[in-house]
Amino acid sequence: MKRFLAYLVVLFVTTASYAQKAIIIGNGPGLKDSLDVTLFHKQGQTGTMKATTRIQNGSFRLTVPVDSGLMETTLCVFNPVHPTLARTIYLRPGAKVEIDAADHSDWIITGVKLR
């Protein structure tokens, strides 16, 4: 039994070490401080929250674990004054996504880099 548990621990650590990350960076005058930015991993009609942060000094940064392949996500900004902003972003390991926000409803993905 002890061998089996040790095997599971080694397997888990090895698998976890293969997980890579993607980075999403946003900035611009349209990003109001103290709003929450949340990234959801879409799975059919539902999704799970992968990362969340708060906008500070007109910018935010999310680091998201991405196992492999292409992951469909939705980036949401929750604002009590405006309707919630949601943008679909496809991520893969090593991606760096840059977003420029002219205002609350006008977000443009200005760059995608793969490491």
PDB file of N, CA and C in Angstrom:
ATOM      1  N   MET A   1       0.820  -1.196   0.000  1.00  0.00           N
ATOM      2  CA  MET A   1       0.000   0.000   0.000  1.00  0.00           C
ATOM      3  C   MET A   1       0.867   1.265   0.000  1.00  0.00           C
ATOM      4  N   LYS A   2       1.941   1.238   0.797  1.00  0.00           N
ATOM      5  CA  LYS A   2       2.830   2.394   0.853  1.00  0.00           C
ATOM      6  C   LYS A   2       3.493   2.636  -0.498  1.00  0.00           C
ATOM      7  N   ARG A   3       3.852   1.564  -1.167  1.00  0.00           N
ATOM      8  CA  ARG A   3       4.453   1.702  -2.494  1.00  0.00           C
ATOM      9  C   ARG A   3       3.476   2.347  -3.469  1.00  0.00           C
ATOM     10  N   PHE A   4       2.237   1.929  -3.396  1.00  0.00           N
ATOM     11  CA  PHE A   4       1.208   2.463  -4.297  1.00  0.00           C
ATOM     12  C   PHE A   4       1.012   3.955  -4.054  1.00  0.00           C
ATOM     13  N   LEU A   5       0.935   4.371  -2.790  1.00  0.00           N
ATOM     14  CA  LEU A   5       0.782   5.791  -2.475  1.00  0.00           C
ATOM     15  C   LEU A   5       2.005   6.587  -2.931  1.00  0.00           C
ATOM     16  N   ALA A   6       3.195   6.030  -2.738  1.00  0.00           N
ATOM     17  CA  ALA A   6       4.406   6.711  -3.196  1.00  0.00           C
ATOM     18  C   ALA A   6       4.383   6.845  -4.716  1.00  0.00           C
ATOM     19  N   TYR A   7       3.944   5.816  -5.401  1.00  0.00           N
ATOM     20  CA  TYR A   7       3.832   5.863  -6.857  1.00  0.00           C
ATOM     21  C   TYR A   7       2.866   6.962  -7.285  1.00  0.00           C
ATOM     22  N   LEU A   8       1.707   7.082  -6.622  1.00  0.00           N
ATOM     23  CA  LEU A   8       0.738   8.120  -6.954  1.00  0.00           C
ATOM     24  C   LEU A   8       1.313   9.519  -6.737  1.00  0.00           C
ATOM     25  N   VAL A   9       2.050   9.703  -5.658  1.00  0.00           N
ATOM     26  CA  VAL A   9       2.654  11.005  -5.386  1.00  0.00           C
ATOM     27  C   VAL A   9       3.663  11.358  -6.479  1.00  0.00           C
ATOM     28  N   VAL A  10       4.514  10.416  -6.852  1.00  0.00           N
ATOM     29  CA  VAL A  10       5.499  10.662  -7.909  1.00  0.00           C
ATOM     30  C   VAL A  10       4.797  10.950  -9.228  1.00  0.00           C
ATOM     31  N   LEU A  11       3.759  10.209  -9.533  1.00  0.00           N
ATOM     32  CA  LEU A  11       3.005  10.430 -10.767  1.00  0.00           C
ATOM     33  C   LEU A  11       2.369  11.811 -10.785  1.00  0.00           C
ATOM     34  N   PHE A  12       1.790  12.226  -9.668  1.00  0.00           N
ATOM     35  CA  PHE A  12       1.163  13.538  -9.578  1.00  0.00           C
ATOM     36  C   PHE A  12       2.192  14.654  -9.750  1.00  0.00           C
ATOM     37  N   VAL A  13       3.321  14.557  -9.082  1.00  0.00           N
ATOM     38  CA  VAL A  13       4.359  15.582  -9.169  1.00  0.00           C
ATOM     39  C   VAL A  13       4.906  15.654 -10.589  1.00  0.00           C
ATOM     40  N   THR A  14       5.126  14.514 -11.212  1.00  0.00           N
ATOM     41  CA  THR A  14       5.630  14.492 -12.583  1.00  0.00           C
ATOM     42  C   THR A  14       4.633  15.116 -13.541  1.00  0.00           C
ATOM     43  N   THR A  15       3.361  14.778 -13.414  1.00  0.00           N
ATOM     44  CA  THR A  15       2.325  15.328 -14.271  1.00  0.00           C
ATOM     45  C   THR A  15       2.187  16.826 -14.064  1.00  0.00           C
ATOM     46  N   ALA A  16       2.213  17.270 -12.826  1.00  0.00           N
ATOM     47  CA  ALA A  16       2.071  18.694 -12.525  1.00  0.00           C
ATOM     48  C   ALA A  16       3.237  19.504 -13.078  1.00  0.00           C
ATOM     49  N   SER A  17       4.418  18.904 -13.127  1.00  0.00           N
ATOM     50  CA  SER A  17       5.572  19.648 -13.627  1.00  0.00           C
ATOM     51  C   SER A  17       5.494  19.895 -15.130  1.00  0.00           C
ATOM     52  N   TYR A  18       4.693  19.100 -15.855  1.00  0.00           N
ATOM     53  CA  TYR A  18       4.544  19.301 -17.289  1.00  0.00           C
ATOM     54  C   TYR A  18       3.556  20.408 -17.627  1.00  0.00           C
ATOM     55  N   ALA A  19       2.736  20.818 -16.681  1.00  0.00           N
ATOM     56  CA  ALA A  19       1.769  21.887 -16.943  1.00  0.00           C
ATOM     57  C   ALA A  19       2.529  23.179 -17.220  1.00  0.00           C
ATOM     58  N   GLN A  20       2.132  23.864 -18.280  1.00  0.00           N
ATOM     59  CA  GLN A  20       2.757  25.122 -18.633  1.00  0.00           C
ATOM     60  C   GLN A  20       1.776  26.250 -18.397  1.00  0.00           C
ATOM     61  N   LYS A  21       2.230  27.475 -18.635  1.00  0.00           N
ATOM     62  CA  LYS A  21       1.392  28.631 -18.352  1.00  0.00           C
ATOM     63  C   LYS A  21       1.256  29.526 -19.571  1.00  0.00           C
ATOM     64  N   ALA A  22       0.170  30.270 -19.583  1.00  0.00           N
ATOM     65  CA  ALA A  22      -0.047  31.338 -20.548  1.00  0.00           C
ATOM     66  C   ALA A  22      -0.223  32.624 -19.743  1.00  0.00           C
ATOM     67  N   ILE A  23       0.141  33.750 -20.343  1.00  0.00           N
ATOM     68  CA  ILE A  23       0.063  35.043 -19.655  1.00  0.00           C
ATOM     69  C   ILE A  23      -0.848  35.965 -20.448  1.00  0.00           C
ATOM     70  N   ILE A  24      -1.743  36.654 -19.732  1.00  0.00           N
ATOM     71  CA  ILE A  24      -2.612  37.664 -20.339  1.00  0.00           C
ATOM     72  C   ILE A  24      -2.322  38.983 -19.639  1.00  0.00           C
ATOM     73  N   ILE A  25      -1.956  39.994 -20.429  1.00  0.00           N
ATOM     74  CA  ILE A  25      -1.637  41.317 -19.892  1.00  0.00           C
ATOM     75  C   ILE A  25      -2.569  42.335 -20.543  1.00  0.00           C
ATOM     76  N   GLY A  26      -3.200  43.164 -19.734  1.00  0.00           N
ATOM     77  CA  GLY A  26      -4.074  44.202 -20.252  1.00  0.00           C
ATOM     78  C   GLY A  26      -3.701  45.552 -19.693  1.00  0.00           C
ATOM     79  N   ASN A  27      -3.801  46.597 -20.526  1.00  0.00           N
ATOM     80  CA  ASN A  27      -3.578  47.958 -20.044  1.00  0.00           C
ATOM     81  C   ASN A  27      -4.276  48.939 -20.966  1.00  0.00           C
ATOM     82  N   GLY A  28      -4.450  50.153 -20.471  1.00  0.00           N
ATOM     83  CA  GLY A  28      -5.081  51.190 -21.268  1.00  0.00           C
ATOM     84  C   GLY A  28      -6.003  52.064 -20.441  1.00  0.00           C
ATOM     85  N   PRO A  29      -6.408  53.199 -21.007  1.00  0.00           N
ATOM     86  CA  PRO A  29      -7.262  54.132 -20.285  1.00  0.00           C
ATOM     87  C   PRO A  29      -8.659  53.586 -20.004  1.00  0.00           C
ATOM     88  N   GLY A  30      -9.084  52.579 -20.718  1.00  0.00           N
ATOM     89  CA  GLY A  30     -10.413  52.008 -20.502  1.00  0.00           C
ATOM     90  C   GLY A  30     -10.489  51.050 -19.331  1.00  0.00           C
ATOM     91  N   LEU A  31      -9.366  50.776 -18.694  1.00  0.00           N
ATOM     92  CA  LEU A  31      -9.351  49.863 -17.555  1.00  0.00           C
ATOM     93  C   LEU A  31      -9.472  50.662 -16.266  1.00  0.00           C
ATOM     94  N   LYS A  32     -10.622  50.625 -15.669  1.00  0.00           N
ATOM     95  CA  LYS A  32     -10.866  51.367 -14.430  1.00  0.00           C
ATOM     96  C   LYS A  32     -10.377  50.566 -13.233  1.00  0.00           C
ATOM     97  N   ASP A  33      -9.655  51.226 -12.351  1.00  0.00           N
ATOM     98  CA  ASP A  33      -9.113  50.571 -11.163  1.00  0.00           C
ATOM     99  C   ASP A  33     -10.212  49.952 -10.311  1.00  0.00           C
ATOM    100  N   SER A  34      -9.864  48.871  -9.655  1.00  0.00           N
ATOM    101  CA  SER A  34     -10.669  48.110  -8.692  1.00  0.00           C
ATOM    102  C   SER A  34     -11.737  47.223  -9.337  1.00  0.00           C
ATOM    103  N   LEU A  35     -11.814  47.159 -10.664  1.00  0.00           N
ATOM    104  CA  LEU A  35     -12.734  46.202 -11.297  1.00  0.00           C
ATOM    105  C   LEU A  35     -12.086  44.824 -11.317  1.00  0.00           C
ATOM    106  N   ASP A  36     -12.910  43.787 -11.208  1.00  0.00           N
ATOM    107  CA  ASP A  36     -12.411  42.416 -11.224  1.00  0.00           C
ATOM    108  C   ASP A  36     -12.341  41.881 -12.647  1.00  0.00           C
ATOM    109  N   VAL A  37     -11.225  41.226 -12.959  1.00  0.00           N
ATOM    110  CA  VAL A  37     -11.023  40.556 -14.241  1.00  0.00           C
ATOM    111  C   VAL A  37     -10.927  39.064 -13.936  1.00  0.00           C
ATOM    112  N   THR A  38     -11.756  38.267 -14.601  1.00  0.00           N
ATOM    113  CA  THR A  38     -11.796  36.833 -14.341  1.00  0.00           C
ATOM    114  C   THR A  38     -11.704  36.072 -15.654  1.00  0.00           C
ATOM    115  N   LEU A  39     -10.933  34.994 -15.646  1.00  0.00           N
ATOM    116  CA  LEU A  39     -10.802  34.136 -16.817  1.00  0.00           C
ATOM    117  C   LEU A  39     -11.460  32.796 -16.519  1.00  0.00           C
ATOM    118  N   PHE A  40     -12.388  32.397 -17.391  1.00  0.00           N
ATOM    119  CA  PHE A  40     -13.082  31.118 -17.270  1.00  0.00           C
ATOM    120  C   PHE A  40     -12.625  30.182 -18.371  1.00  0.00           C
ATOM    121  N   HIS A  41     -12.460  28.919 -18.034  1.00  0.00           N
ATOM    122  CA  HIS A  41     -12.174  27.875 -19.028  1.00  0.00           C
ATOM    123  C   HIS A  41     -13.508  27.310 -19.478  1.00  0.00           C
ATOM    124  N   LYS A  42     -13.822  27.509 -20.765  1.00  0.00           N
ATOM    125  CA  LYS A  42     -15.113  27.050 -21.286  1.00  0.00           C
ATOM    126  C   LYS A  42     -15.075  25.544 -21.517  1.00  0.00           C
ATOM    127  N   GLN A  43     -16.125  24.897 -21.028  1.00  0.00           N
ATOM    128  CA  GLN A  43     -16.293  23.451 -21.207  1.00  0.00           C
ATOM    129  C   GLN A  43     -17.747  23.216 -21.577  1.00  0.00           C
ATOM    130  N   GLY A  44     -18.031  23.233 -22.872  1.00  0.00           N
ATOM    131  CA  GLY A  44     -19.413  23.103 -23.326  1.00  0.00           C
ATOM    132  C   GLY A  44     -20.190  24.365 -22.998  1.00  0.00           C
ATOM    133  N   GLN A  45     -21.323  24.223 -22.329  1.00  0.00           N
ATOM    134  CA  GLN A  45     -22.150  25.364 -21.949  1.00  0.00           C
ATOM    135  C   GLN A  45     -21.749  25.970 -20.610  1.00  0.00           C
ATOM    136  N   THR A  46     -20.830  25.332 -19.902  1.00  0.00           N
ATOM    137  CA  THR A  46     -20.403  25.820 -18.588  1.00  0.00           C
ATOM    138  C   THR A  46     -18.905  26.093 -18.615  1.00  0.00           C
ATOM    139  N   GLY A  47     -18.385  26.490 -17.507  1.00  0.00           N
ATOM    140  CA  GLY A  47     -16.962  26.741 -17.411  1.00  0.00           C
ATOM    141  C   GLY A  47     -16.504  26.773 -15.969  1.00  0.00           C
ATOM    142  N   THR A  48     -15.204  26.770 -15.784  1.00  0.00           N
ATOM    143  CA  THR A  48     -14.629  26.859 -14.455  1.00  0.00           C
ATOM    144  C   THR A  48     -13.688  28.062 -14.412  1.00  0.00           C
ATOM    145  N   MET A  49     -13.619  28.709 -13.265  1.00  0.00           N
ATOM    146  CA  MET A  49     -12.761  29.867 -13.107  1.00  0.00           C
ATOM    147  C   MET A  49     -11.305  29.408 -13.044  1.00  0.00           C
ATOM    148  N   LYS A  50     -10.452  29.988 -13.907  1.00  0.00           N
ATOM    149  CA  LYS A  50      -9.038  29.627 -13.932  1.00  0.00           C
ATOM    150  C   LYS A  50      -8.172  30.647 -13.202  1.00  0.00           C
ATOM    151  N   ALA A  51      -8.536  31.936 -13.291  1.00  0.00           N
ATOM    152  CA  ALA A  51      -7.734  32.980 -12.652  1.00  0.00           C
ATOM    153  C   ALA A  51      -8.577  34.231 -12.486  1.00  0.00           C
ATOM    154  N   THR A  52      -8.251  35.023 -11.474  1.00  0.00           N
ATOM    155  CA  THR A  52      -8.925  36.294 -11.267  1.00  0.00           C
ATOM    156  C   THR A  52      -7.939  37.291 -10.660  1.00  0.00           C
ATOM    157  N   THR A  53      -8.138  38.554 -10.986  1.00  0.00           N
ATOM    158  CA  THR A  53      -7.307  39.617 -10.431  1.00  0.00           C
ATOM    159  C   THR A  53      -8.103  40.909 -10.447  1.00  0.00           C
ATOM    160  N   ARG A  54      -7.558  41.927  -9.842  1.00  0.00           N
ATOM    161  CA  ARG A  54      -8.189  43.236  -9.804  1.00  0.00           C
ATOM    162  C   ARG A  54      -7.336  44.222 -10.596  1.00  0.00           C
ATOM    163  N   ILE A  55      -7.980  45.097 -11.351  1.00  0.00           N
ATOM    164  CA  ILE A  55      -7.263  46.104 -12.134  1.00  0.00           C
ATOM    165  C   ILE A  55      -6.656  47.130 -11.185  1.00  0.00           C
ATOM    166  N   GLN A  56      -5.355  47.409 -11.385  1.00  0.00           N
ATOM    167  CA  GLN A  56      -4.640  48.398 -10.581  1.00  0.00           C
ATOM    168  C   GLN A  56      -3.812  49.271 -11.508  1.00  0.00           C
ATOM    169  N   ASN A  57      -3.913  50.573 -11.341  1.00  0.00           N
ATOM    170  CA  ASN A  57      -3.171  51.537 -12.159  1.00  0.00           C
ATOM    171  C   ASN A  57      -3.406  51.315 -13.652  1.00  0.00           C
ATOM    172  N   GLY A  58      -4.624  50.966 -14.015  1.00  0.00           N
ATOM    173  CA  GLY A  58      -4.984  50.809 -15.419  1.00  0.00           C
ATOM    174  C   GLY A  58      -4.433  49.585 -16.108  1.00  0.00           C
ATOM    175  N   SER A  59      -4.050  48.563 -15.342  1.00  0.00           N
ATOM    176  CA  SER A  59      -3.525  47.356 -15.969  1.00  0.00           C
ATOM    177  C   SER A  59      -3.815  46.124 -15.111  1.00  0.00           C
ATOM    178  N   PHE A  60      -3.685  44.972 -15.739  1.00  0.00           N
ATOM    179  CA  PHE A  60      -3.821  43.702 -15.022  1.00  0.00           C
ATOM    180  C   PHE A  60      -2.933  42.661 -15.684  1.00  0.00           C
ATOM    181  N   ARG A  61      -2.680  41.586 -14.957  1.00  0.00           N
ATOM    182  CA  ARG A  61      -1.884  40.465 -15.465  1.00  0.00           C
ATOM    183  C   ARG A  61      -2.435  39.175 -14.873  1.00  0.00           C
ATOM    184  N   LEU A  62      -2.720  38.224 -15.744  1.00  0.00           N
ATOM    185  CA  LEU A  62      -3.181  36.903 -15.326  1.00  0.00           C
ATOM    186  C   LEU A  62      -2.180  35.862 -15.815  1.00  0.00           C
ATOM    187  N   THR A  63      -1.804  34.942 -14.951  1.00  0.00           N
ATOM    188  CA  THR A  63      -0.978  33.805 -15.325  1.00  0.00           C
ATOM    189  C   THR A  63      -1.853  32.574 -15.173  1.00  0.00           C
ATOM    190  N   VAL A  64      -2.011  31.840 -16.274  1.00  0.00           N
ATOM    191  CA  VAL A  64      -2.991  30.758 -16.334  1.00  0.00           C
ATOM    192  C   VAL A  64      -2.305  29.437 -16.658  1.00  0.00           C
ATOM    193  N   PRO A  65      -2.538  28.375 -15.870  1.00  0.00           N
ATOM    194  CA  PRO A  65      -1.996  27.072 -16.237  1.00  0.00           C
ATOM    195  C   PRO A  65      -2.735  26.507 -17.448  1.00  0.00           C
ATOM    196  N   VAL A  66      -1.968  26.056 -18.450  1.00  0.00           N
ATOM    197  CA  VAL A  66      -2.527  25.446 -19.655  1.00  0.00           C
ATOM    198  C   VAL A  66      -1.799  24.124 -19.857  1.00  0.00           C
ATOM    199  N   ASP A  67      -2.533  23.025 -19.795  1.00  0.00           N
ATOM    200  CA  ASP A  67      -1.889  21.713 -19.865  1.00  0.00           C
ATOM    201  C   ASP A  67      -1.285  21.433 -21.237  1.00  0.00           C
ATOM    202  N   SER A  68      -2.103  21.430 -22.272  1.00  0.00           N
ATOM    203  CA  SER A  68      -1.596  21.162 -23.620  1.00  0.00           C
ATOM    204  C   SER A  68      -2.681  21.523 -24.621  1.00  0.00           C
ATOM    205  N   GLY A  69      -2.300  21.600 -25.862  1.00  0.00           N
ATOM    206  CA  GLY A  69      -3.278  21.879 -26.903  1.00  0.00           C
ATOM    207  C   GLY A  69      -3.812  23.295 -26.815  1.00  0.00           C
ATOM    208  N   LEU A  70      -5.038  23.468 -27.273  1.00  0.00           N
ATOM    209  CA  LEU A  70      -5.685  24.771 -27.323  1.00  0.00           C
ATOM    210  C   LEU A  70      -6.801  24.812 -26.287  1.00  0.00           C
ATOM    211  N   MET A  71      -6.813  25.832 -25.432  1.00  0.00           N
ATOM    212  CA  MET A  71      -7.819  25.948 -24.386  1.00  0.00           C
ATOM    213  C   MET A  71      -8.701  27.156 -24.685  1.00  0.00           C
ATOM    214  N   GLU A  72     -10.009  26.935 -24.800  1.00  0.00           N
ATOM    215  CA  GLU A  72     -10.950  28.034 -25.033  1.00  0.00           C
ATOM    216  C   GLU A  72     -11.317  28.663 -23.696  1.00  0.00           C
ATOM    217  N   THR A  73     -11.116  29.978 -23.598  1.00  0.00           N
ATOM    218  CA  THR A  73     -11.404  30.694 -22.359  1.00  0.00           C
ATOM    219  C   THR A  73     -12.266  31.918 -22.651  1.00  0.00           C
ATOM    220  N   THR A  74     -12.866  32.440 -21.604  1.00  0.00           N
ATOM    221  CA  THR A  74     -13.609  33.690 -21.693  1.00  0.00           C
ATOM    222  C   THR A  74     -13.069  34.640 -20.633  1.00  0.00           C
ATOM    223  N   LEU A  75     -12.643  35.817 -21.072  1.00  0.00           N
ATOM    224  CA  LEU A  75     -12.146  36.851 -20.173  1.00  0.00           C
ATOM    225  C   LEU A  75     -13.294  37.799 -19.871  1.00  0.00           C
ATOM    226  N   CYS A  76     -13.611  37.974 -18.597  1.00  0.00           N
ATOM    227  CA  CYS A  76     -14.746  38.802 -18.184  1.00  0.00           C
ATOM    228  C   CYS A  76     -14.277  39.930 -17.273  1.00  0.00           C
ATOM    229  N   VAL A  77     -14.881  41.103 -17.471  1.00  0.00           N
ATOM    230  CA  VAL A  77     -14.672  42.242 -16.580  1.00  0.00           C
ATOM    231  C   VAL A  77     -16.026  42.599 -16.003  1.00  0.00           C
ATOM    232  N   PHE A  78     -16.122  42.542 -14.687  1.00  0.00           N
ATOM    233  CA  PHE A  78     -17.385  42.815 -14.007  1.00  0.00           C
ATOM    234  C   PHE A  78     -17.414  44.267 -13.558  1.00  0.00           C
ATOM    235  N   ASN A  79     -18.354  45.027 -14.120  1.00  0.00           N
ATOM    236  CA  ASN A  79     -18.472  46.450 -13.835  1.00  0.00           C
ATOM    237  C   ASN A  79     -19.922  46.737 -13.455  1.00  0.00           C
ATOM    238  N   PRO A  80     -20.175  47.288 -12.259  1.00  0.00           N
ATOM    239  CA  PRO A  80     -21.558  47.546 -11.848  1.00  0.00           C
ATOM    240  C   PRO A  80     -22.257  48.635 -12.661  1.00  0.00           C
ATOM    241  N   VAL A  81     -21.496  49.488 -13.368  1.00  0.00           N
ATOM    242  CA  VAL A  81     -22.066  50.591 -14.130  1.00  0.00           C
ATOM    243  C   VAL A  81     -22.391  50.186 -15.566  1.00  0.00           C
ATOM    244  N   HIS A  82     -21.591  49.294 -16.149  1.00  0.00           N
ATOM    245  CA  HIS A  82     -21.754  48.865 -17.534  1.00  0.00           C
ATOM    246  C   HIS A  82     -22.096  47.374 -17.577  1.00  0.00           C
ATOM    247  N   PRO A  83     -22.618  46.905 -18.691  1.00  0.00           N
ATOM    248  CA  PRO A  83     -22.808  45.453 -18.835  1.00  0.00           C
ATOM    249  C   PRO A  83     -21.452  44.743 -18.759  1.00  0.00           C
ATOM    250  N   THR A  84     -21.472  43.510 -18.295  1.00  0.00           N
ATOM    251  CA  THR A  84     -20.248  42.735 -18.177  1.00  0.00           C
ATOM    252  C   THR A  84     -19.607  42.541 -19.546  1.00  0.00           C
ATOM    253  N   LEU A  85     -18.318  42.791 -19.617  1.00  0.00           N
ATOM    254  CA  LEU A  85     -17.560  42.589 -20.847  1.00  0.00           C
ATOM    255  C   LEU A  85     -17.047  41.160 -20.861  1.00  0.00           C
ATOM    256  N   ALA A  86     -17.211  40.452 -21.972  1.00  0.00           N
ATOM    257  CA  ALA A  86     -16.701  39.087 -22.100  1.00  0.00           C
ATOM    258  C   ALA A  86     -16.076  38.923 -23.482  1.00  0.00           C
ATOM    259  N   ARG A  87     -14.868  38.414 -23.520  1.00  0.00           N
ATOM    260  CA  ARG A  87     -14.156  38.160 -24.770  1.00  0.00           C
ATOM    261  C   ARG A  87     -13.630  36.728 -24.749  1.00  0.00           C
ATOM    262  N   THR A  88     -13.777  36.031 -25.867  1.00  0.00           N
ATOM    263  CA  THR A  88     -13.244  34.680 -25.994  1.00  0.00           C
ATOM    264  C   THR A  88     -11.780  34.767 -26.408  1.00  0.00           C
ATOM    265  N   ILE A  89     -10.940  34.024 -25.710  1.00  0.00           N
ATOM    266  CA  ILE A  89      -9.513  33.967 -26.008  1.00  0.00           C
ATOM    267  C   ILE A  89      -9.102  32.494 -26.013  1.00  0.00           C
ATOM    268  N   TYR A  90      -8.404  32.094 -27.054  1.00  0.00           N
ATOM    269  CA  TYR A  90      -7.869  30.736 -27.125  1.00  0.00           C
ATOM    270  C   TYR A  90      -6.422  30.770 -26.669  1.00  0.00           C
ATOM    271  N   LEU A  91      -6.089  29.909 -25.699  1.00  0.00           N
ATOM    272  CA  LEU A  91      -4.743  29.879 -25.135  1.00  0.00           C
ATOM    273  C   LEU A  91      -4.087  28.529 -25.381  1.00  0.00           C
ATOM    274  N   ARG A  92      -2.777  28.566 -25.503  1.00  0.00           N
ATOM    275  CA  ARG A  92      -1.999  27.331 -25.533  1.00  0.00           C
ATOM    276  C   ARG A  92      -0.766  27.560 -24.683  1.00  0.00           C
ATOM    277  N   PRO A  93      -0.057  26.507 -24.284  1.00  0.00           N
ATOM    278  CA  PRO A  93       1.104  26.685 -23.413  1.00  0.00           C
ATOM    279  C   PRO A  93       2.116  27.653 -24.003  1.00  0.00           C
ATOM    280  N   GLY A  94       2.602  28.562 -23.169  1.00  0.00           N
ATOM    281  CA  GLY A  94       3.615  29.522 -23.577  1.00  0.00           C
ATOM    282  C   GLY A  94       3.088  30.781 -24.241  1.00  0.00           C
ATOM    283  N   ALA A  95       1.788  30.912 -24.387  1.00  0.00           N
ATOM    284  CA  ALA A  95       1.221  32.088 -25.058  1.00  0.00           C
ATOM    285  C   ALA A  95       1.312  33.316 -24.147  1.00  0.00           C
ATOM    286  N   LYS A  96       1.538  34.476 -24.776  1.00  0.00           N
ATOM    287  CA  LYS A  96       1.493  35.755 -24.073  1.00  0.00           C
ATOM    288  C   LYS A  96       0.543  36.644 -24.870  1.00  0.00           C
ATOM    289  N   VAL A  97      -0.590  36.975 -24.276  1.00  0.00           N
ATOM    290  CA  VAL A  97      -1.633  37.759 -24.940  1.00  0.00           C
ATOM    291  C   VAL A  97      -1.610  39.168 -24.365  1.00  0.00           C
ATOM    292  N   GLU A  98      -1.560  40.164 -25.247  1.00  0.00           N
ATOM    293  CA  GLU A  98      -1.569  41.560 -24.819  1.00  0.00           C
ATOM    294  C   GLU A  98      -2.863  42.210 -25.277  1.00  0.00           C
ATOM    295  N   ILE A  99      -3.514  42.940 -24.358  1.00  0.00           N
ATOM    296  CA  ILE A  99      -4.806  43.562 -24.632  1.00  0.00           C
ATOM    297  C   ILE A  99      -4.705  45.056 -24.381  1.00  0.00           C
ATOM    298  N   ASP A 100      -5.247  45.847 -25.313  1.00  0.00           N
ATOM    299  CA  ASP A 100      -5.317  47.298 -25.167  1.00  0.00           C
ATOM    300  C   ASP A 100      -6.787  47.672 -25.032  1.00  0.00           C
ATOM    301  N   ALA A 101      -7.126  48.416 -23.994  1.00  0.00           N
ATOM    302  CA  ALA A 101      -8.515  48.780 -23.739  1.00  0.00           C
ATOM    303  C   ALA A 101      -8.696  50.285 -23.879  1.00  0.00           C
ATOM    304  N   ALA A 102      -9.308  50.700 -24.989  1.00  0.00           N
ATOM    305  CA  ALA A 102      -9.578  52.126 -25.210  1.00  0.00           C
ATOM    306  C   ALA A 102     -10.687  52.615 -24.281  1.00  0.00           C
ATOM    307  N   ASP A 103     -11.711  51.806 -24.078  1.00  0.00           N
ATOM    308  CA  ASP A 103     -12.764  52.090 -23.099  1.00  0.00           C
ATOM    309  C   ASP A 103     -13.351  50.766 -22.639  1.00  0.00           C
ATOM    310  N   HIS A 104     -14.410  50.827 -21.830  1.00  0.00           N
ATOM    311  CA  HIS A 104     -14.938  49.605 -21.220  1.00  0.00           C
ATOM    312  C   HIS A 104     -15.386  48.576 -22.256  1.00  0.00           C
ATOM    313  N   SER A 105     -15.945  49.023 -23.371  1.00  0.00           N
ATOM    314  CA  SER A 105     -16.495  48.075 -24.335  1.00  0.00           C
ATOM    315  C   SER A 105     -15.590  47.825 -25.538  1.00  0.00           C
ATOM    316  N   ASP A 106     -14.476  48.528 -25.632  1.00  0.00           N
ATOM    317  CA  ASP A 106     -13.610  48.417 -26.808  1.00  0.00           C
ATOM    318  C   ASP A 106     -12.259  47.850 -26.405  1.00  0.00           C
ATOM    319  N   TRP A 107     -12.181  46.531 -26.343  1.00  0.00           N
ATOM    320  CA  TRP A 107     -10.936  45.857 -25.999  1.00  0.00           C
ATOM    321  C   TRP A 107     -10.379  45.224 -27.263  1.00  0.00           C
ATOM    322  N   ILE A 108      -9.115  45.449 -27.532  1.00  0.00           N
ATOM    323  CA  ILE A 108      -8.475  44.907 -28.723  1.00  0.00           C
ATOM    324  C   ILE A 108      -7.276  44.068 -28.290  1.00  0.00           C
ATOM    325  N   ILE A 109      -7.195  42.854 -28.809  1.00  0.00           N
ATOM    326  CA  ILE A 109      -6.016  42.033 -28.567  1.00  0.00           C
ATOM    327  C   ILE A 109      -4.940  42.537 -29.522  1.00  0.00           C
ATOM    328  N   THR A 110      -3.886  43.156 -28.962  1.00  0.00           N
ATOM    329  CA  THR A 110      -2.868  43.805 -29.778  1.00  0.00           C
ATOM    330  C   THR A 110      -1.694  42.897 -30.083  1.00  0.00           C
ATOM    331  N   GLY A 111      -1.561  41.815 -29.365  1.00  0.00           N
ATOM    332  CA  GLY A 111      -0.422  40.941 -29.638  1.00  0.00           C
ATOM    333  C   GLY A 111      -0.590  39.582 -29.007  1.00  0.00           C
ATOM    334  N   VAL A 112      -0.127  38.581 -29.716  1.00  0.00           N
ATOM    335  CA  VAL A 112      -0.066  37.217 -29.185  1.00  0.00           C
ATOM    336  C   VAL A 112       1.325  36.701 -29.510  1.00  0.00           C
ATOM    337  N   LYS A 113       2.043  36.292 -28.485  1.00  0.00           N
ATOM    338  CA  LYS A 113       3.387  35.782 -28.674  1.00  0.00           C
ATOM    339  C   LYS A 113       3.459  34.372 -28.103  1.00  0.00           C
ATOM    340  N   LEU A 114       4.200  33.533 -28.758  1.00  0.00           N
ATOM    341  CA  LEU A 114       4.422  32.177 -28.272  1.00  0.00           C
ATOM    342  C   LEU A 114       5.875  32.041 -27.908  1.00  0.00           C
ATOM    343  N   ARG A 115       6.113  31.520 -26.710  1.00  0.00           N
ATOM    344  CA  ARG A 115       7.495  31.342 -26.259  1.00  0.00           C
ATOM    345  C   ARG A 115       8.018  30.020 -26.695  1.00  0.00           C
TER     346      ARG A 115
END
